[in-house]
Amino acid sequence: QVQLVESGGGLVQAGGSLRLSCAASGRTFSRNAMGWFRQAPGKEREFVSSISWSGDRTSYADSVKGRFTISRDNAKNTMYLQLNSLKPEDTAVYYCAATSGPYSGTYAYSGLYDYWGQGTQVTVSS
C-alpha cells in the first residue's frame, strides 16, 4: 500500500519557521516529481511548490517564493518543505503529493499527482 505521510506542522508566530516532511512508503518515488499543496479554510486547494525527480528543478507559487524551500532525499524516499518568514495567510493544511507518470519537470497542476498525503496543519498566529 502506497502512503505519503506528512509531519512537522504546528502552531508558530508570524515570522517563525517550520520544516515539513513527507515520508513515502510502499514504493519509491525517486523517479517521480513531487509537490506540496495547501488548503486554507473556505478556500480551494492551491499549489505551493514542486520538485523534479532529481531535485535539480524546483518551482514555487509567487506567494511563497523566497520564503519556502523544497527539497528531497531520494535515498530516504522523503521530501521536505522549509517554511521561513511565515505569515498568518500561510495558515492551511499542507499536503504532499507525488506523480506516477514519466514527468521530468515540476508541476503546479494538481491533476497530475496520483498520490496524496492526509495533510498536516500549519497555523501562523499574528
PDB file of N, CA and C in Angstrom:
ATOM      1  N   GLN A   1       0.849  -1.189   0.000  1.00  0.00           N
ATOM      2  CA  GLN A   1       0.000   0.000   0.000  1.00  0.00           C
ATOM      3  C   GLN A   1       0.890   1.246   0.000  1.00  0.00           C
ATOM      4  N   VAL A   2       0.649   2.119  -0.955  1.00  0.00           N
ATOM      5  CA  VAL A   2       1.440   3.338  -1.045  1.00  0.00           C
ATOM      6  C   VAL A   2       0.904   4.374  -0.064  1.00  0.00           C
ATOM      7  N   GLN A   3       1.809   4.970   0.678  1.00  0.00           N
ATOM      8  CA  GLN A   3       1.417   6.004   1.637  1.00  0.00           C
ATOM      9  C   GLN A   3       2.370   7.175   1.583  1.00  0.00           C
ATOM     10  N   LEU A   4       1.805   8.363   1.705  1.00  0.00           N
ATOM     11  CA  LEU A   4       2.579   9.578   1.914  1.00  0.00           C
ATOM     12  C   LEU A   4       2.142  10.137   3.258  1.00  0.00           C
ATOM     13  N   VAL A   5       3.100  10.344   4.138  1.00  0.00           N
ATOM     14  CA  VAL A   5       2.772  10.811   5.483  1.00  0.00           C
ATOM     15  C   VAL A   5       3.520  12.103   5.764  1.00  0.00           C
ATOM     16  N   GLU A   6       2.746  13.172   5.990  1.00  0.00           N
ATOM     17  CA  GLU A   6       3.342  14.465   6.318  1.00  0.00           C
ATOM     18  C   GLU A   6       3.548  14.593   7.820  1.00  0.00           C
ATOM     19  N   SER A   7       4.548  15.371   8.180  1.00  0.00           N
ATOM     20  CA  SER A   7       4.785  15.693   9.583  1.00  0.00           C
ATOM     21  C   SER A   7       5.474  17.049   9.653  1.00  0.00           C
ATOM     22  N   GLY A   8       5.507  17.612  10.854  1.00  0.00           N
ATOM     23  CA  GLY A   8       6.235  18.863  11.063  1.00  0.00           C
ATOM     24  C   GLY A   8       5.372  20.104  11.179  1.00  0.00           C
ATOM     25  N   GLY A   9       4.064  19.942  10.987  1.00  0.00           N
ATOM     26  CA  GLY A   9       3.191  21.097  11.129  1.00  0.00           C
ATOM     27  C   GLY A   9       3.063  21.506  12.587  1.00  0.00           C
ATOM     28  N   GLY A  10       2.412  22.633  12.790  1.00  0.00           N
ATOM     29  CA  GLY A  10       2.215  23.104  14.154  1.00  0.00           C
ATOM     30  C   GLY A  10       1.783  24.549  14.194  1.00  0.00           C
ATOM     31  N   LEU A  11       1.830  25.102  15.404  1.00  0.00           N
ATOM     32  CA  LEU A  11       1.466  26.496  15.633  1.00  0.00           C
ATOM     33  C   LEU A  11       2.741  27.311  15.795  1.00  0.00           C
ATOM     34  N   VAL A  12       2.845  28.395  15.053  1.00  0.00           N
ATOM     35  CA  VAL A  12       4.046  29.233  15.099  1.00  0.00           C
ATOM     36  C   VAL A  12       3.632  30.692  14.973  1.00  0.00           C
ATOM     37  N   GLN A  13       4.418  31.573  15.545  1.00  0.00           N
ATOM     38  CA  GLN A  13       4.140  33.000  15.424  1.00  0.00           C
ATOM     39  C   GLN A  13       4.596  33.521  14.066  1.00  0.00           C
ATOM     40  N   ALA A  14       3.987  34.595  13.649  1.00  0.00           N
ATOM     41  CA  ALA A  14       4.381  35.229  12.399  1.00  0.00           C
ATOM     42  C   ALA A  14       5.878  35.539  12.434  1.00  0.00           C
ATOM     43  N   GLY A  15       6.537  35.249  11.317  1.00  0.00           N
ATOM     44  CA  GLY A  15       7.978  35.425  11.238  1.00  0.00           C
ATOM     45  C   GLY A  15       8.765  34.183  11.586  1.00  0.00           C
ATOM     46  N   GLY A  16       8.092  33.191  12.118  1.00  0.00           N
ATOM     47  CA  GLY A  16       8.748  31.966  12.519  1.00  0.00           C
ATOM     48  C   GLY A  16       8.953  30.998  11.369  1.00  0.00           C
ATOM     49  N   SER A  17       9.452  29.815  11.714  1.00  0.00           N
ATOM     50  CA  SER A  17       9.797  28.805  10.715  1.00  0.00           C
ATOM     51  C   SER A  17       9.277  27.435  11.120  1.00  0.00           C
ATOM     52  N   LEU A  18       9.058  26.617  10.126  1.00  0.00           N
ATOM     53  CA  LEU A  18       8.711  25.209  10.310  1.00  0.00           C
ATOM     54  C   LEU A  18       9.360  24.417   9.189  1.00  0.00           C
ATOM     55  N   ARG A  19       9.571  23.147   9.436  1.00  0.00           N
ATOM     56  CA  ARG A  19      10.051  22.251   8.387  1.00  0.00           C
ATOM     57  C   ARG A  19       9.097  21.076   8.280  1.00  0.00           C
ATOM     58  N   LEU A  20       8.455  20.965   7.134  1.00  0.00           N
ATOM     59  CA  LEU A  20       7.555  19.856   6.883  1.00  0.00           C
ATOM     60  C   LEU A  20       8.307  18.718   6.205  1.00  0.00           C
ATOM     61  N   SER A  21       7.921  17.509   6.541  1.00  0.00           N
ATOM     62  CA  SER A  21       8.475  16.315   5.898  1.00  0.00           C
ATOM     63  C   SER A  21       7.351  15.501   5.293  1.00  0.00           C
ATOM     64  N   CYS A  22       7.674  14.789   4.254  1.00  0.00           N
ATOM     65  CA  CYS A  22       6.726  13.885   3.599  1.00  0.00           C
ATOM     66  C   CYS A  22       7.454  12.575   3.352  1.00  0.00           C
ATOM     67  N   ALA A  23       7.108  11.570   4.131  1.00  0.00           N
ATOM     68  CA  ALA A  23       7.754  10.275   4.017  1.00  0.00           C
ATOM     69  C   ALA A  23       6.885   9.338   3.195  1.00  0.00           C
ATOM     70  N   ALA A  24       7.476   8.748   2.169  1.00  0.00           N
ATOM     71  CA  ALA A  24       6.742   7.838   1.300  1.00  0.00           C
ATOM     72  C   ALA A  24       7.075   6.397   1.651  1.00  0.00           C
ATOM     73  N   SER A  25       6.087   5.536   1.521  1.00  0.00           N
ATOM     74  CA  SER A  25       6.297   4.109   1.731  1.00  0.00           C
ATOM     75  C   SER A  25       5.431   3.339   0.738  1.00  0.00           C
ATOM     76  N   GLY A  26       5.788   2.102   0.515  1.00  0.00           N
ATOM     77  CA  GLY A  26       5.030   1.265  -0.400  1.00  0.00           C
ATOM     78  C   GLY A  26       5.574   1.247  -1.811  1.00  0.00           C
ATOM     79  N   ARG A  27       6.304   2.279  -2.191  1.00  0.00           N
ATOM     80  CA  ARG A  27       7.002   2.328  -3.474  1.00  0.00           C
ATOM     81  C   ARG A  27       7.978   3.491  -3.424  1.00  0.00           C
ATOM     82  N   THR A  28       8.917   3.462  -4.321  1.00  0.00           N
ATOM     83  CA  THR A  28       9.860   4.560  -4.386  1.00  0.00           C
ATOM     84  C   THR A  28       9.374   5.624  -5.363  1.00  0.00           C
ATOM     85  N   PHE A  29       9.635   6.883  -5.019  1.00  0.00           N
ATOM     86  CA  PHE A  29       9.285   7.986  -5.903  1.00  0.00           C
ATOM     87  C   PHE A  29      10.534   8.683  -6.413  1.00  0.00           C
ATOM     88  N   SER A  30      11.650   7.972  -6.417  1.00  0.00           N
ATOM     89  CA  SER A  30      12.920   8.596  -6.799  1.00  0.00           C
ATOM     90  C   SER A  30      12.952   9.013  -8.263  1.00  0.00           C
ATOM     91  N   ARG A  31      12.013   8.513  -9.064  1.00  0.00           N
ATOM     92  CA  ARG A  31      11.950   8.902 -10.478  1.00  0.00           C
ATOM     93  C   ARG A  31      10.693   9.692 -10.794  1.00  0.00           C
ATOM     94  N   ASN A  32      10.086  10.265  -9.766  1.00  0.00           N
ATOM     95  CA  ASN A  32       8.827  10.982  -9.949  1.00  0.00           C
ATOM     96  C   ASN A  32       8.873  12.377  -9.344  1.00  0.00           C
ATOM     97  N   ALA A  33       8.221  13.308 -10.036  1.00  0.00           N
ATOM     98  CA  ALA A  33       8.073  14.652  -9.483  1.00  0.00           C
ATOM     99  C   ALA A  33       7.154  14.600  -8.264  1.00  0.00           C
ATOM    100  N   MET A  34       7.428  15.467  -7.325  1.00  0.00           N
ATOM    101  CA  MET A  34       6.602  15.565  -6.131  1.00  0.00           C
ATOM    102  C   MET A  34       6.283  17.029  -5.856  1.00  0.00           C
ATOM    103  N   GLY A  35       5.304  17.250  -5.001  1.00  0.00           N
ATOM    104  CA  GLY A  35       4.931  18.633  -4.746  1.00  0.00           C
ATOM    105  C   GLY A  35       4.214  18.813  -3.420  1.00  0.00           C
ATOM    106  N   TRP A  36       4.043  20.075  -3.078  1.00  0.00           N
ATOM    107  CA  TRP A  36       3.289  20.473  -1.893  1.00  0.00           C
ATOM    108  C   TRP A  36       2.130  21.370  -2.333  1.00  0.00           C
ATOM    109  N   PHE A  37       0.991  21.118  -1.720  1.00  0.00           N
ATOM    110  CA  PHE A  37      -0.187  21.952  -1.921  1.00  0.00           C
ATOM    111  C   PHE A  37      -0.710  22.345  -0.549  1.00  0.00           C
ATOM    112  N   ARG A  38      -1.598  23.320  -0.499  1.00  0.00           N
ATOM    113  CA  ARG A  38      -2.190  23.702   0.774  1.00  0.00           C
ATOM    114  C   ARG A  38      -3.643  24.124   0.569  1.00  0.00           C
ATOM    115  N   GLN A  39      -4.400  23.997   1.639  1.00  0.00           N
ATOM    116  CA  GLN A  39      -5.801  24.390   1.592  1.00  0.00           C
ATOM    117  C   GLN A  39      -6.154  25.112   2.878  1.00  0.00           C
ATOM    118  N   ALA A  40      -6.531  26.361   2.725  1.00  0.00           N
ATOM    119  CA  ALA A  40      -6.959  27.163   3.856  1.00  0.00           C
ATOM    120  C   ALA A  40      -8.469  27.019   4.030  1.00  0.00           C
ATOM    121  N   PRO A  41      -8.986  27.289   5.216  1.00  0.00           N
ATOM    122  CA  PRO A  41     -10.436  27.164   5.451  1.00  0.00           C
ATOM    123  C   PRO A  41     -11.231  28.007   4.470  1.00  0.00           C
ATOM    124  N   GLY A  42     -12.214  27.366   3.841  1.00  0.00           N
ATOM    125  CA  GLY A  42     -13.077  28.079   2.917  1.00  0.00           C
ATOM    126  C   GLY A  42     -12.472  28.370   1.566  1.00  0.00           C
ATOM    127  N   LYS A  43     -11.278  27.861   1.324  1.00  0.00           N
ATOM    128  CA  LYS A  43     -10.616  28.112   0.044  1.00  0.00           C
ATOM    129  C   LYS A  43     -10.304  26.810  -0.667  1.00  0.00           C
ATOM    130  N   GLU A  44     -10.031  26.909  -1.947  1.00  0.00           N
ATOM    131  CA  GLU A  44      -9.655  25.727  -2.706  1.00  0.00           C
ATOM    132  C   GLU A  44      -8.201  25.368  -2.442  1.00  0.00           C
ATOM    133  N   ARG A  45      -7.891  24.109  -2.691  1.00  0.00           N
ATOM    134  CA  ARG A  45      -6.510  23.669  -2.570  1.00  0.00           C
ATOM    135  C   ARG A  45      -5.664  24.400  -3.613  1.00  0.00           C
ATOM    136  N   GLU A  46      -4.479  24.848  -3.207  1.00  0.00           N
ATOM    137  CA  GLU A  46      -3.619  25.584  -4.115  1.00  0.00           C
ATOM    138  C   GLU A  46      -2.201  25.038  -4.112  1.00  0.00           C
ATOM    139  N   PHE A  47      -1.562  25.235  -5.231  1.00  0.00           N
ATOM    140  CA  PHE A  47      -0.172  24.806  -5.404  1.00  0.00           C
ATOM    141  C   PHE A  47       0.757  25.654  -4.538  1.00  0.00           C
ATOM    142  N   VAL A  48       1.739  24.988  -3.943  1.00  0.00           N
ATOM    143  CA  VAL A  48       2.764  25.686  -3.162  1.00  0.00           C
ATOM    144  C   VAL A  48       4.127  25.552  -3.822  1.00  0.00           C
ATOM    145  N   SER A  49       4.529  24.303  -4.084  1.00  0.00           N
ATOM    146  CA  SER A  49       5.863  24.078  -4.628  1.00  0.00           C
ATOM    147  C   SER A  49       5.952  22.696  -5.238  1.00  0.00           C
ATOM    148  N   SER A  50       6.884  22.537  -6.164  1.00  0.00           N
ATOM    149  CA  SER A  50       7.100  21.240  -6.795  1.00  0.00           C
ATOM    150  C   SER A  50       8.593  21.032  -7.015  1.00  0.00           C
ATOM    151  N   ILE A  51       9.002  19.765  -7.073  1.00  0.00           N
ATOM    152  CA  ILE A  51      10.403  19.440  -7.276  1.00  0.00           C
ATOM    153  C   ILE A  51      10.506  18.278  -8.255  1.00  0.00           C
ATOM    154  N   SER A  52      11.463  18.354  -9.156  1.00  0.00           N
ATOM    155  CA  SER A  52      11.656  17.293 -10.132  1.00  0.00           C
ATOM    156  C   SER A  52      12.208  16.046  -9.445  1.00  0.00           C
ATOM    157  N   TRP A  53      12.197  14.928 -10.168  1.00  0.00           N
ATOM    158  CA  TRP A  53      12.626  13.678  -9.557  1.00  0.00           C
ATOM    159  C   TRP A  53      14.069  13.739  -9.076  1.00  0.00           C
ATOM    160  N   SER A  54      14.906  14.467  -9.808  1.00  0.00           N
ATOM    161  CA  SER A  54      16.318  14.546  -9.442  1.00  0.00           C
ATOM    162  C   SER A  54      16.598  15.637  -8.424  1.00  0.00           C
ATOM    163  N   GLY A  55      15.630  16.511  -8.227  1.00  0.00           N
ATOM    164  CA  GLY A  55      15.828  17.611  -7.292  1.00  0.00           C
ATOM    165  C   GLY A  55      16.506  18.824  -7.883  1.00  0.00           C
ATOM    166  N   ASP A  56      16.848  18.769  -9.166  1.00  0.00           N
ATOM    167  CA  ASP A  56      17.594  19.894  -9.743  1.00  0.00           C
ATOM    168  C   ASP A  56      16.697  20.998 -10.260  1.00  0.00           C
ATOM    169  N   ARG A  57      15.391  20.721 -10.280  1.00  0.00           N
ATOM    170  CA  ARG A  57      14.445  21.762 -10.697  1.00  0.00           C
ATOM    171  C   ARG A  57      13.368  21.923  -9.651  1.00  0.00           C
ATOM    172  N   THR A  58      13.068  23.157  -9.332  1.00  0.00           N
ATOM    173  CA  THR A  58      12.023  23.469  -8.356  1.00  0.00           C
ATOM    174  C   THR A  58      11.174  24.614  -8.872  1.00  0.00           C
ATOM    175  N   SER A  59       9.962  24.674  -8.384  1.00  0.00           N
ATOM    176  CA  SER A  59       9.081  25.791  -8.729  1.00  0.00           C
ATOM    177  C   SER A  59       8.250  26.142  -7.508  1.00  0.00           C
ATOM    178  N   TYR A  60       7.820  27.402  -7.454  1.00  0.00           N
ATOM    179  CA  TYR A  60       7.094  27.898  -6.294  1.00  0.00           C
ATOM    180  C   TYR A  60       5.947  28.807  -6.714  1.00  0.00           C
ATOM    181  N   ALA A  61       4.912  28.813  -5.901  1.00  0.00           N
ATOM    182  CA  ALA A  61       3.871  29.818  -6.072  1.00  0.00           C
ATOM    183  C   ALA A  61       4.468  31.180  -5.737  1.00  0.00           C
ATOM    184  N   ASP A  62       3.985  32.208  -6.395  1.00  0.00           N
ATOM    185  CA  ASP A  62       4.521  33.549  -6.152  1.00  0.00           C
ATOM    186  C   ASP A  62       4.390  33.952  -4.683  1.00  0.00           C
ATOM    187  N   SER A  63       3.344  33.478  -4.045  1.00  0.00           N
ATOM    188  CA  SER A  63       3.074  33.883  -2.664  1.00  0.00           C
ATOM    189  C   SER A  63       4.092  33.349  -1.669  1.00  0.00           C
ATOM    190  N   VAL A  64       4.847  32.321  -2.052  1.00  0.00           N
ATOM    191  CA  VAL A  64       5.818  31.726  -1.118  1.00  0.00           C
ATOM    192  C   VAL A  64       7.255  31.838  -1.612  1.00  0.00           C
ATOM    193  N   LYS A  65       7.415  32.334  -2.819  1.00  0.00           N
ATOM    194  CA  LYS A  65       8.755  32.415  -3.398  1.00  0.00           C
ATOM    195  C   LYS A  65       9.662  33.271  -2.528  1.00  0.00           C
ATOM    196  N   GLY A  66      10.861  32.759  -2.258  1.00  0.00           N
ATOM    197  CA  GLY A  66      11.808  33.477  -1.418  1.00  0.00           C
ATOM    198  C   GLY A  66      11.669  33.184   0.062  1.00  0.00           C
ATOM    199  N   ARG A  67      10.580  32.535   0.450  1.00  0.00           N
ATOM    200  CA  ARG A  67      10.360  32.192   1.864  1.00  0.00           C
ATOM    201  C   ARG A  67      10.363  30.700   2.106  1.00  0.00           C
ATOM    202  N   PHE A  68       9.877  29.929   1.157  1.00  0.00           N
ATOM    203  CA  PHE A  68       9.802  28.475   1.290  1.00  0.00           C
ATOM    204  C   PHE A  68      10.864  27.822   0.412  1.00  0.00           C
ATOM    205  N   THR A  69      11.370  26.668   0.859  1.00  0.00           N
ATOM    206  CA  THR A  69      12.341  25.913   0.075  1.00  0.00           C
ATOM    207  C   THR A  69      11.967  24.440   0.076  1.00  0.00           C
ATOM    208  N   ILE A  70      11.839  23.887  -1.112  1.00  0.00           N
ATOM    209  CA  ILE A  70      11.510  22.468  -1.263  1.00  0.00           C
ATOM    210  C   ILE A  70      12.787  21.695  -1.516  1.00  0.00           C
ATOM    211  N   SER A  71      12.841  20.478  -1.005  1.00  0.00           N
ATOM    212  CA  SER A  71      13.997  19.615  -1.242  1.00  0.00           C
ATOM    213  C   SER A  71      13.545  18.166  -1.107  1.00  0.00           C
ATOM    214  N   ARG A  72      14.415  17.255  -1.482  1.00  0.00           N
ATOM    215  CA  ARG A  72      14.087  15.834  -1.352  1.00  0.00           C
ATOM    216  C   ARG A  72      15.354  15.036  -1.127  1.00  0.00           C
ATOM    217  N   ASP A  73      15.180  13.892  -0.499  1.00  0.00           N
ATOM    218  CA  ASP A  73      16.262  12.934  -0.272  1.00  0.00           C
ATOM    219  C   ASP A  73      15.759  11.606  -0.816  1.00  0.00           C
ATOM    220  N   ASN A  74      16.153  11.278  -2.032  1.00  0.00           N
ATOM    221  CA  ASN A  74      15.631  10.065  -2.660  1.00  0.00           C
ATOM    222  C   ASN A  74      16.097   8.800  -1.942  1.00  0.00           C
ATOM    223  N   ALA A  75      17.222   8.848  -1.309  1.00  0.00           N
ATOM    224  CA  ALA A  75      17.698   7.676  -0.560  1.00  0.00           C
ATOM    225  C   ALA A  75      16.770   7.373   0.605  1.00  0.00           C
ATOM    226  N   LYS A  76      16.120   8.415   1.126  1.00  0.00           N
ATOM    227  CA  LYS A  76      15.191   8.231   2.241  1.00  0.00           C
ATOM    228  C   LYS A  76      13.735   8.237   1.780  1.00  0.00           C
ATOM    229  N   ASN A  77      13.526   8.422   0.464  1.00  0.00           N
ATOM    230  CA  ASN A  77      12.162   8.468  -0.070  1.00  0.00           C
ATOM    231  C   ASN A  77      11.334   9.532   0.648  1.00  0.00           C
ATOM    232  N   THR A  78      11.961  10.667   0.885  1.00  0.00           N
ATOM    233  CA  THR A  78      11.355  11.730   1.685  1.00  0.00           C
ATOM    234  C   THR A  78      11.534  13.080   1.003  1.00  0.00           C
ATOM    235  N   MET A  79      10.496  13.901   1.125  1.00  0.00           N
ATOM    236  CA  MET A  79      10.527  15.267   0.595  1.00  0.00           C
ATOM    237  C   MET A  79      10.335  16.233   1.759  1.00  0.00           C
ATOM    238  N   TYR A  80      10.860  17.435   1.595  1.00  0.00           N
ATOM    239  CA  TYR A  80      10.789  18.419   2.671  1.00  0.00           C
ATOM    240  C   TYR A  80      10.275  19.749   2.133  1.00  0.00           C
ATOM    241  N   LEU A  81       9.753  20.537   3.039  1.00  0.00           N
ATOM    242  CA  LEU A  81       9.411  21.921   2.725  1.00  0.00           C
ATOM    243  C   LEU A  81       9.802  22.774   3.926  1.00  0.00           C
ATOM    244  N   GLN A  82      10.805  23.631   3.719  1.00  0.00           N
ATOM    245  CA  GLN A  82      11.224  24.558   4.761  1.00  0.00           C
ATOM    246  C   GLN A  82      10.408  25.832   4.611  1.00  0.00           C
ATOM    247  N   LEU A  83       9.720  26.212   5.673  1.00  0.00           N
ATOM    248  CA  LEU A  83       8.871  27.392   5.660  1.00  0.00           C
ATOM    249  C   LEU A  83       9.495  28.455   6.565  1.00  0.00           C
ATOM    250  N   ASN A  84       9.927  29.534   5.983  1.00  0.00           N
ATOM    251  CA  ASN A  84      10.519  30.638   6.737  1.00  0.00           C
ATOM    252  C   ASN A  84       9.666  31.893   6.593  1.00  0.00           C
ATOM    253  N   SER A  85       9.881  32.830   7.500  1.00  0.00           N
ATOM    254  CA  SER A  85       9.170  34.119   7.457  1.00  0.00           C
ATOM    255  C   SER A  85       7.666  33.911   7.295  1.00  0.00           C
ATOM    256  N   LEU A  86       7.143  33.030   8.110  1.00  0.00           N
ATOM    257  CA  LEU A  86       5.734  32.664   7.973  1.00  0.00           C
ATOM    258  C   LEU A  86       4.812  33.834   8.264  1.00  0.00           C
ATOM    259  N   LYS A  87       3.694  33.850   7.546  1.00  0.00           N
ATOM    260  CA  LYS A  87       2.688  34.887   7.674  1.00  0.00           C
ATOM    261  C   LYS A  87       1.353  34.239   8.061  1.00  0.00           C
ATOM    262  N   PRO A  88       0.459  34.988   8.684  1.00  0.00           N
ATOM    263  CA  PRO A  88      -0.855  34.415   9.020  1.00  0.00           C
ATOM    264  C   PRO A  88      -1.576  33.838   7.804  1.00  0.00           C
ATOM    265  N   GLU A  89      -1.372  34.412   6.652  1.00  0.00           N
ATOM    266  CA  GLU A  89      -2.029  33.900   5.446  1.00  0.00           C
ATOM    267  C   GLU A  89      -1.447  32.578   4.953  1.00  0.00           C
ATOM    268  N   ASP A  90      -0.378  32.107   5.581  1.00  0.00           N
ATOM    269  CA  ASP A  90       0.158  30.776   5.263  1.00  0.00           C
ATOM    270  C   ASP A  90      -0.584  29.684   6.031  1.00  0.00           C
ATOM    271  N   THR A  91      -1.465  30.071   6.925  1.00  0.00           N
ATOM    272  CA  THR A  91      -2.232  29.096   7.691  1.00  0.00           C
ATOM    273  C   THR A  91      -3.077  28.234   6.761  1.00  0.00           C
ATOM    274  N   ALA A  92      -2.888  26.923   6.870  1.00  0.00           N
ATOM    275  CA  ALA A  92      -3.579  25.986   5.983  1.00  0.00           C
ATOM    276  C   ALA A  92      -3.203  24.563   6.371  1.00  0.00           C
ATOM    277  N   VAL A  93      -3.906  23.623   5.793  1.00  0.00           N
ATOM    278  CA  VAL A  93      -3.461  22.233   5.834  1.00  0.00           C
ATOM    279  C   VAL A  93      -2.549  22.030   4.625  1.00  0.00           C
ATOM    280  N   TYR A  94      -1.374  21.521   4.882  1.00  0.00           N
ATOM    281  CA  TYR A  94      -0.384  21.307   3.822  1.00  0.00           C
ATOM    282  C   TYR A  94      -0.359  19.828   3.448  1.00  0.00           C
ATOM    283  N   TYR A  95      -0.456  19.588   2.150  1.00  0.00           N
ATOM    284  CA  TYR A  95      -0.483  18.233   1.615  1.00  0.00           C
ATOM    285  C   TYR A  95       0.734  17.980   0.731  1.00  0.00           C
ATOM    286  N   CYS A  96       1.319  16.817   0.864  1.00  0.00           N
ATOM    287  CA  CYS A  96       2.334  16.428  -0.099  1.00  0.00           C
ATOM    288  C   CYS A  96       1.695  15.495  -1.125  1.00  0.00           C
ATOM    289  N   ALA A  97       2.273  15.481  -2.305  1.00  0.00           N
ATOM    290  CA  ALA A  97       1.730  14.692  -3.400  1.00  0.00           C
ATOM    291  C   ALA A  97       2.851  14.202  -4.294  1.00  0.00           C
ATOM    292  N   ALA A  98       2.576  13.101  -4.986  1.00  0.00           N
ATOM    293  CA  ALA A  98       3.571  12.520  -5.879  1.00  0.00           C
ATOM    294  C   ALA A  98       2.914  12.101  -7.187  1.00  0.00           C
ATOM    295  N   THR A  99       3.640  12.288  -8.267  1.00  0.00           N
ATOM    296  CA  THR A  99       3.168  11.815  -9.557  1.00  0.00           C
ATOM    297  C   THR A  99       3.613  10.372  -9.752  1.00  0.00           C
ATOM    298  N   SER A 100       3.019   9.695 -10.702  1.00  0.00           N
ATOM    299  CA  SER A 100       3.466   8.351 -11.043  1.00  0.00           C
ATOM    300  C   SER A 100       3.863   8.268 -12.507  1.00  0.00           C
ATOM    301  N   GLY A 101       3.657   9.360 -13.236  1.00  0.00           N
ATOM    302  CA  GLY A 101       3.970   9.345 -14.654  1.00  0.00           C
ATOM    303  C   GLY A 101       5.410   9.721 -14.921  1.00  0.00           C
ATOM    304  N   PRO A 102       5.807   9.604 -16.182  1.00  0.00           N
ATOM    305  CA  PRO A 102       7.188   9.890 -16.592  1.00  0.00           C
ATOM    306  C   PRO A 102       7.413  11.380 -16.805  1.00  0.00           C
ATOM    307  N   TYR A 103       7.196  12.169 -15.755  1.00  0.00           N
ATOM    308  CA  TYR A 103       7.316  13.612 -15.878  1.00  0.00           C
ATOM    309  C   TYR A 103       8.689  14.046 -15.389  1.00  0.00           C
ATOM    310  N   SER A 104       9.354  14.823 -16.190  1.00  0.00           N
ATOM    311  CA  SER A 104      10.726  15.176 -15.855  1.00  0.00           C
ATOM    312  C   SER A 104      10.875  16.545 -15.221  1.00  0.00           C
ATOM    313  N   GLY A 105       9.789  17.309 -15.174  1.00  0.00           N
ATOM    314  CA  GLY A 105       9.902  18.673 -14.675  1.00  0.00           C
ATOM    315  C   GLY A 105       9.237  18.863 -13.331  1.00  0.00           C
ATOM    316  N   THR A 106       8.703  20.059 -13.138  1.00  0.00           N
ATOM    317  CA  THR A 106       7.940  20.383 -11.938  1.00  0.00           C
ATOM    318  C   THR A 106       6.545  20.781 -12.370  1.00  0.00           C
ATOM    319  N   TYR A 107       5.555  20.571 -11.496  1.00  0.00           N
ATOM    320  CA  TYR A 107       4.177  20.693 -11.949  1.00  0.00           C
ATOM    321  C   TYR A 107       3.287  21.337 -10.896  1.00  0.00           C
ATOM    322  N   ALA A 108       2.551  22.336 -11.317  1.00  0.00           N
ATOM    323  CA  ALA A 108       1.634  23.035 -10.423  1.00  0.00           C
ATOM    324  C   ALA A 108       0.210  22.501 -10.529  1.00  0.00           C
ATOM    325  N   TYR A 109      -0.069  21.714 -11.550  1.00  0.00           N
ATOM    326  CA  TYR A 109      -1.418  21.209 -11.786  1.00  0.00           C
ATOM    327  C   TYR A 109      -1.674  19.996 -10.909  1.00  0.00           C
ATOM    328  N   SER A 110      -2.628  20.093 -10.004  1.00  0.00           N
ATOM    329  CA  SER A 110      -2.873  19.014  -9.042  1.00  0.00           C
ATOM    330  C   SER A 110      -3.346  17.732  -9.720  1.00  0.00           C
ATOM    331  N   GLY A 111      -3.948  17.845 -10.896  1.00  0.00           N
ATOM    332  CA  GLY A 111      -4.447  16.672 -11.590  1.00  0.00           C
ATOM    333  C   GLY A 111      -3.378  15.702 -12.038  1.00  0.00           C
ATOM    334  N   LEU A 112      -2.115  16.152 -12.062  1.00  0.00           N
ATOM    335  CA  LEU A 112      -1.016  15.280 -12.469  1.00  0.00           C
ATOM    336  C   LEU A 112      -0.517  14.407 -11.320  1.00  0.00           C
ATOM    337  N   TYR A 113      -0.969  14.697 -10.122  1.00  0.00           N
ATOM    338  CA  TYR A 113      -0.493  13.969  -8.945  1.00  0.00           C
ATOM    339  C   TYR A 113      -1.448  12.824  -8.611  1.00  0.00           C
ATOM    340  N   ASP A 114      -0.866  11.647  -8.446  1.00  0.00           N
ATOM    341  CA  ASP A 114      -1.673  10.448  -8.225  1.00  0.00           C
ATOM    342  C   ASP A 114      -1.761  10.021  -6.765  1.00  0.00           C
ATOM    343  N   TYR A 115      -0.793  10.443  -5.986  1.00  0.00           N
ATOM    344  CA  TYR A 115      -0.748  10.034  -4.582  1.00  0.00           C
ATOM    345  C   TYR A 115      -0.730  11.284  -3.705  1.00  0.00           C
ATOM    346  N   TRP A 116      -1.509  11.215  -2.629  1.00  0.00           N
ATOM    347  CA  TRP A 116      -1.644  12.357  -1.726  1.00  0.00           C
ATOM    348  C   TRP A 116      -1.541  11.907  -0.281  1.00  0.00           C
ATOM    349  N   GLY A 117      -0.940  12.760   0.540  1.00  0.00           N
ATOM    350  CA  GLY A 117      -0.927  12.511   1.967  1.00  0.00           C
ATOM    351  C   GLY A 117      -2.209  13.020   2.607  1.00  0.00           C
ATOM    352  N   GLN A 118      -2.304  12.808   3.914  1.00  0.00           N
ATOM    353  CA  GLN A 118      -3.501  13.217   4.656  1.00  0.00           C
ATOM    354  C   GLN A 118      -3.442  14.677   5.094  1.00  0.00           C
ATOM    355  N   GLY A 119      -2.276  15.264   5.042  1.00  0.00           N
ATOM    356  CA  GLY A 119      -2.141  16.669   5.381  1.00  0.00           C
ATOM    357  C   GLY A 119      -1.619  16.904   6.791  1.00  0.00           C
ATOM    358  N   THR A 120      -0.972  18.041   6.963  1.00  0.00           N
ATOM    359  CA  THR A 120      -0.506  18.471   8.267  1.00  0.00           C
ATOM    360  C   THR A 120      -0.886  19.952   8.436  1.00  0.00           C
ATOM    361  N   GLN A 121      -1.389  20.281   9.608  1.00  0.00           N
ATOM    362  CA  GLN A 121      -1.896  21.637   9.849  1.00  0.00           C
ATOM    363  C   GLN A 121      -0.745  22.581  10.186  1.00  0.00           C
ATOM    364  N   VAL A 122      -0.727  23.714   9.510  1.00  0.00           N
ATOM    365  CA  VAL A 122       0.198  24.802   9.838  1.00  0.00           C
ATOM    366  C   VAL A 122      -0.653  26.010  10.217  1.00  0.00           C
ATOM    367  N   THR A 123      -0.429  26.508  11.417  1.00  0.00           N
ATOM    368  CA  THR A 123      -1.172  27.669  11.896  1.00  0.00           C
ATOM    369  C   THR A 123      -0.181  28.758  12.282  1.00  0.00           C
ATOM    370  N   VAL A 124      -0.346  29.925  11.694  1.00  0.00           N
ATOM    371  CA  VAL A 124       0.553  31.044  11.964  1.00  0.00           C
ATOM    372  C   VAL A 124      -0.252  32.137  12.659  1.00  0.00           C
ATOM    373  N   SER A 125       0.161  32.459  13.867  1.00  0.00           N
ATOM    374  CA  SER A 125      -0.540  33.491  14.632  1.00  0.00           C
ATOM    375  C   SER A 125       0.115  34.854  14.414  1.00  0.00           C
ATOM    376  N   SER A 126      -0.706  35.884  14.481  1.00  0.00           N
ATOM    377  CA  SER A 126      -0.184  37.244  14.242  1.00  0.00           C
ATOM    378  C   SER A 126       0.284  37.899  15.530  1.00  0.00           C
TER     379      SER A 126
END
